[in-house]
């Protein structure tokens, strides 16, 4: 049985090695990188007596960040996109084990609202409203695309970035009792995290490293499969031997 298990293990190692090698030399996935840089925009004041600013942008953004400083307490910050919806949640950007980004696997989180306009209450000297313009672009600047070859992958990635390109006018307003307040002393910073294609390369893995991982896994599995039964077997033999010695040391009384 031991020879059979060892032989089976060697066959599995060879099959695993070939699978790793095949995936390495003929991968269907391509890794791409984008710029993933925050770009600050200079907002324009619509009226010098009213706290309403605007800016027109044409880019492929993921994150939207609006920081307001020195606004009246309990005022309302309202941010509007004139031509496309975007996502907002109070959880965006919060510290934690993982950064919340509105997208969980292929689903959109229930706590994220999609709309042209989002608002938040100003309850401190500085507040930040964060949003997501695109849920398809890679938020860390690295993504993967499945394609037949590198040229096709590049075309599909460029098409994705083009489809996520947003041309819109953003309007930022600060209201108290539905009326715009004076902009005096209020500072507003508006920035977008934008993406442009940087590079495309075939996804590769290290066959030697993956084979070593596979061998270690198989050795560990076979060790458990062999060690536990062998321990039970030798424990049974030792107990039988001990019982035999006890029986010989204490013979049955004669009649």
Protein backbone atom coordinates (compact mmCIF):
# COMPACT_ATOMS: atom_id res chain seq x y z
CA UNK A 1 0.00 0.00 0.00
CA UNK A 2 2.87 2.34 0.82
CA UNK A 3 4.42 1.84 -2.63
CA UNK A 4 1.05 2.54 -4.26
CA UNK A 5 0.59 5.77 -2.35
CA UNK A 6 4.13 6.96 -3.10
CA UNK A 7 3.66 6.17 -6.79
CA UNK A 8 0.35 8.00 -6.85
CA UNK A 9 1.97 10.99 -5.17
CA UNK A 10 4.72 11.12 -7.81
CA UNK A 11 2.12 10.99 -10.59
CA UNK A 12 0.18 13.85 -8.98
CA UNK A 13 3.37 15.89 -8.67
CA UNK A 14 4.13 15.39 -12.38
CA UNK A 15 0.56 16.35 -13.37
CA UNK A 16 0.70 19.43 -11.14
CA UNK A 17 4.06 20.46 -12.58
CA UNK A 18 2.73 20.18 -16.13
CA UNK A 19 -0.40 22.17 -15.25
CA UNK A 20 1.70 24.97 -13.73
CA UNK A 21 4.02 24.98 -16.73
CA UNK A 22 1.10 25.11 -19.19
CA UNK A 23 -0.54 27.98 -17.33
CA UNK A 24 2.74 29.86 -17.40
CA UNK A 25 3.62 29.51 -21.07
CA UNK A 26 0.08 29.91 -22.42
CA UNK A 27 -1.85 32.19 -20.10
CA UNK A 28 -5.24 33.59 -21.13
CA UNK A 29 -5.00 36.45 -18.66
CA UNK A 30 -3.13 39.72 -19.05
CA UNK A 31 -2.09 42.04 -16.27
CA UNK A 32 -2.46 45.76 -16.88
CA UNK A 33 -1.51 48.88 -14.96
CA UNK A 34 -3.13 52.30 -14.99
CA UNK A 35 -1.98 55.66 -13.67
CA UNK A 36 -4.30 55.70 -10.60
CA UNK A 37 -3.31 59.26 -9.65
CA UNK A 38 -5.26 61.90 -7.80
CA UNK A 39 -5.77 65.10 -9.80
CA UNK A 40 -6.75 68.32 -8.03
CA UNK A 41 -9.10 70.67 -9.87
CA UNK A 42 -9.51 74.39 -9.34
CA UNK A 43 -13.19 75.06 -8.72
CA UNK A 44 -14.80 78.16 -10.16
CA UNK A 45 -17.13 80.29 -8.03
CA UNK A 46 -20.45 80.93 -9.78
CA UNK A 47 -21.31 84.02 -7.76
CA UNK A 48 -19.01 85.87 -5.40
CA UNK A 49 -21.80 86.13 -2.84
CA UNK A 50 -22.92 82.49 -2.91
CA UNK A 51 -21.08 79.29 -1.94
CA UNK A 52 -21.61 77.43 -5.19
CA UNK A 53 -18.64 76.20 -7.22
CA UNK A 54 -18.38 74.25 -10.48
CA UNK A 55 -15.79 72.46 -12.61
CA UNK A 56 -16.02 70.55 -15.91
CA UNK A 57 -13.99 67.34 -16.24
CA UNK A 58 -13.36 64.72 -18.90
CA UNK A 59 -11.58 61.67 -17.51
CA UNK A 60 -11.93 58.05 -16.39
CA UNK A 61 -12.10 58.38 -12.60
CA UNK A 62 -12.76 55.98 -9.76
CA UNK A 63 -12.60 58.02 -6.54
CA UNK A 64 -14.17 61.44 -6.01
CA UNK A 65 -12.98 63.48 -3.03
CA UNK A 66 -14.45 66.81 -1.91
CA UNK A 67 -12.93 68.44 1.18
CA UNK A 68 -14.67 71.44 2.75
CA UNK A 69 -12.99 73.57 5.44
CA UNK A 70 -14.39 76.40 7.59
CA UNK A 71 -17.99 75.98 6.46
CA UNK A 72 -20.82 76.90 8.88
CA UNK A 73 -21.66 74.18 11.39
CA UNK A 74 -24.82 72.18 10.57
CA UNK A 75 -24.74 73.40 6.98
CA UNK A 76 -25.43 70.93 4.17
CA UNK A 77 -22.89 70.02 1.49
CA UNK A 78 -24.48 69.03 -1.83
CA UNK A 79 -22.43 67.73 -4.77
CA UNK A 80 -24.06 67.24 -8.15
CA UNK A 81 -22.94 65.67 -11.44
CA UNK A 82 -24.87 67.11 -14.34
CA UNK A 83 -24.54 64.19 -16.77
CA UNK A 84 -23.75 60.92 -14.96
CA UNK A 85 -24.66 59.07 -11.79
CA UNK A 86 -22.10 58.21 -9.13
CA UNK A 87 -21.97 56.30 -5.87
CA UNK A 88 -21.70 57.54 -2.31
CA UNK A 89 -21.68 56.00 1.14
CA UNK A 90 -20.57 57.36 4.54
CA UNK A 91 -18.44 54.21 4.83
CA UNK A 92 -16.23 55.11 1.86
CA UNK A 93 -12.68 55.78 2.97
CA UNK A 94 -13.28 54.78 6.58
CA UNK A 95 -10.35 53.15 8.37
CA UNK A 96 -10.58 49.40 8.85
CA UNK A 97 -9.11 46.04 7.94
CA UNK A 98 -10.05 46.61 4.31
CA UNK A 99 -11.02 49.79 2.49
CA UNK A 100 -14.73 49.85 1.68
CA UNK A 101 -15.25 50.69 -2.00
CA UNK A 102 -18.97 50.02 -2.71
CA UNK A 103 -18.28 46.88 -4.74
CA UNK A 104 -18.32 43.47 -3.07
CA UNK A 105 -17.20 40.84 -5.59
CA UNK A 106 -19.64 41.44 -8.49
CA UNK A 107 -22.35 43.04 -6.37
CA UNK A 108 -22.91 46.66 -5.36
CA UNK A 109 -23.17 47.16 -1.62
CA UNK A 110 -26.60 48.06 -0.28
CA UNK A 111 -25.07 50.92 1.71
CA UNK A 112 -23.99 52.71 -1.49
CA UNK A 113 -26.47 55.01 -3.20
CA UNK A 114 -26.33 55.73 -6.92
CA UNK A 115 -27.57 59.17 -7.94
CA UNK A 116 -26.67 62.38 -9.74
CA UNK A 117 -26.64 64.25 -6.41
CA UNK A 118 -25.33 63.38 -2.96
CA UNK A 119 -25.22 65.36 0.25
CA UNK A 120 -23.82 65.27 3.77
CA UNK A 121 -24.14 67.30 6.97
CA UNK A 122 -21.21 69.55 7.90
CA UNK A 123 -20.59 68.86 11.60
CA UNK A 124 -16.93 69.82 11.99
CA UNK A 125 -14.39 72.35 10.77
CA UNK A 126 -13.31 69.99 7.99
CA UNK A 127 -15.43 67.36 6.28
CA UNK A 128 -14.74 65.04 3.35
CA UNK A 129 -17.34 63.64 1.00
CA UNK A 130 -16.10 60.62 -0.95
CA UNK A 131 -17.69 58.89 -3.92
CA UNK A 132 -17.07 56.36 -6.67
CA UNK A 133 -17.57 57.34 -10.30
CA UNK A 134 -16.66 53.93 -11.77
CA UNK A 135 -16.88 50.48 -10.22
CA UNK A 136 -15.21 48.76 -13.19
CA UNK A 137 -11.80 50.41 -13.25
CA UNK A 138 -9.14 48.97 -10.88
CA UNK A 139 -9.06 51.12 -7.74
CA UNK A 140 -5.44 50.12 -7.02
CA UNK A 141 -4.25 50.69 -10.58
CA UNK A 142 -3.77 46.99 -11.37
CA UNK A 143 -6.27 44.77 -13.15
CA UNK A 144 -6.53 41.59 -15.21
CA UNK A 145 -8.16 40.99 -18.57
CA UNK A 146 -8.88 37.68 -20.32
CA UNK A 147 -7.99 37.66 -24.02
CA UNK A 148 -6.52 35.51 -26.80
CA UNK A 149 -3.40 37.64 -27.16
CA UNK A 150 -1.75 40.80 -25.87
CA UNK A 151 -3.03 43.02 -28.69
CA UNK A 152 -6.62 42.00 -28.08
CA UNK A 153 -6.17 42.50 -24.33
CA UNK A 154 -4.84 46.03 -24.87
CA UNK A 155 -7.75 46.92 -27.15
CA UNK A 156 -10.30 45.64 -24.62
CA UNK A 157 -8.64 47.53 -21.76
CA UNK A 158 -8.55 50.75 -23.77
CA UNK A 159 -12.21 50.25 -24.61
CA UNK A 160 -13.02 49.75 -20.92
CA UNK A 161 -11.24 52.97 -19.97
CA UNK A 162 -12.98 54.80 -22.82
CA UNK A 163 -16.40 53.51 -21.74
CA UNK A 164 -15.75 54.70 -18.18
CA UNK A 165 -14.68 58.16 -19.34
CA UNK A 166 -16.99 60.76 -17.87
CA UNK A 167 -17.59 64.20 -19.34
CA UNK A 168 -19.57 66.20 -16.83
CA UNK A 169 -19.86 69.38 -14.83
CA UNK A 170 -19.59 69.04 -11.08
CA UNK A 171 -21.43 71.52 -8.87
CA UNK A 172 -20.53 71.90 -5.19
CA UNK A 173 -22.88 73.91 -2.99
CA UNK A 174 -23.15 74.69 0.74
CA UNK A 175 -26.62 75.40 2.06
CA UNK A 176 -28.25 76.49 5.29
CA UNK A 177 -32.05 76.22 5.34
CA UNK A 178 -32.00 75.53 1.60
CA UNK A 179 -30.19 78.82 0.94
CA UNK A 180 -26.61 79.19 -0.31
CA UNK A 181 -24.34 80.74 2.32
CA UNK A 182 -21.57 83.26 1.80
CA UNK A 183 -18.34 81.70 0.46
CA UNK A 184 -16.15 83.98 2.57
CA UNK A 185 -13.52 81.96 4.42
CA UNK A 186 -14.71 78.61 3.05
CA UNK A 187 -12.12 76.41 1.33
CA UNK A 188 -13.20 73.64 -1.05
CA UNK A 189 -10.85 71.09 -2.60
CA UNK A 190 -12.08 68.85 -5.42
CA UNK A 191 -10.03 65.91 -6.72
CA UNK A 192 -10.54 62.83 -8.89
CA UNK A 193 -8.46 59.65 -8.99
CA UNK A 194 -8.03 59.18 -12.73
CA UNK A 195 -6.89 56.21 -14.83
CA UNK A 196 -5.01 55.93 -18.09
CA UNK A 197 -3.40 52.77 -19.43
CA UNK A 198 0.31 52.42 -18.65
CA UNK A 199 1.27 48.86 -19.60
CA UNK A 200 -0.06 45.40 -20.49
CA UNK A 201 1.80 42.13 -19.90
CA UNK A 202 0.97 38.45 -19.96
CA UNK A 203 0.16 37.09 -16.53
CA UNK A 204 2.95 34.79 -15.37
CA UNK A 205 3.61 32.59 -12.38
CA UNK A 206 6.88 31.03 -11.25
CA UNK A 207 6.64 27.31 -12.19
CA UNK A 208 9.46 26.32 -9.83
CA UNK A 209 7.90 28.09 -6.88
CA UNK A 210 4.41 26.75 -7.61
CA UNK A 211 5.78 23.21 -8.03
CA UNK A 212 7.55 23.45 -4.67
CA UNK A 213 4.30 24.62 -3.07
CA UNK A 214 2.48 21.69 -4.69
CA UNK A 215 5.10 19.18 -3.56
CA UNK A 216 4.98 20.53 -0.01
CA UNK A 217 1.17 20.27 -0.02
CA UNK A 218 1.20 16.70 -1.34
CA UNK A 219 3.89 15.63 1.13
CA UNK A 220 1.88 17.11 3.96
CA UNK A 221 -1.30 15.37 2.84
CA UNK A 222 0.40 12.00 2.39
CA UNK A 223 2.14 12.39 5.74
CA UNK A 224 -1.24 12.79 7.42
CA UNK A 225 -2.70 9.88 5.47
CA UNK A 226 0.22 7.60 6.33
CA UNK A 227 1.31 8.84 9.76
CA UNK A 228 -2.07 8.60 11.50
CA UNK A 229 -2.87 4.98 10.42
CA UNK A 230 0.72 3.92 11.15
CA UNK A 231 0.53 5.43 14.64
CA UNK A 232 -2.72 3.56 15.28
CA UNK A 233 -1.18 0.37 13.88
CA UNK A 234 1.98 0.53 16.00
CA UNK A 235 -0.05 1.53 19.07
CA UNK A 236 -2.18 -1.56 18.55
CA UNK A 237 0.89 -3.78 18.23
CA UNK A 238 2.45 -2.28 21.36
CA UNK A 239 -0.76 -2.83 23.32
CA UNK A 240 -1.06 -6.42 22.13
CA UNK A 241 2.58 -7.06 23.10
CA UNK A 242 2.04 -5.49 26.53
CA UNK A 243 -1.08 -7.60 27.08
CA UNK A 244 0.87 -10.72 26.12
CA UNK A 245 3.68 -9.88 28.56
CA UNK A 246 1.17 -9.26 31.35
CA UNK A 247 -0.50 -12.58 30.63
CA UNK A 248 2.85 -14.42 30.75
CA UNK A 249 3.87 -12.67 34.00
CA UNK A 250 0.58 -13.57 35.64
CA UNK A 251 -0.29 -17.14 34.63
CA UNK A 252 -3.71 -18.54 35.44
CA UNK A 253 -3.89 -20.43 38.82
CA UNK A 254 -3.79 -24.23 38.60
CA UNK A 255 -6.74 -26.30 39.88
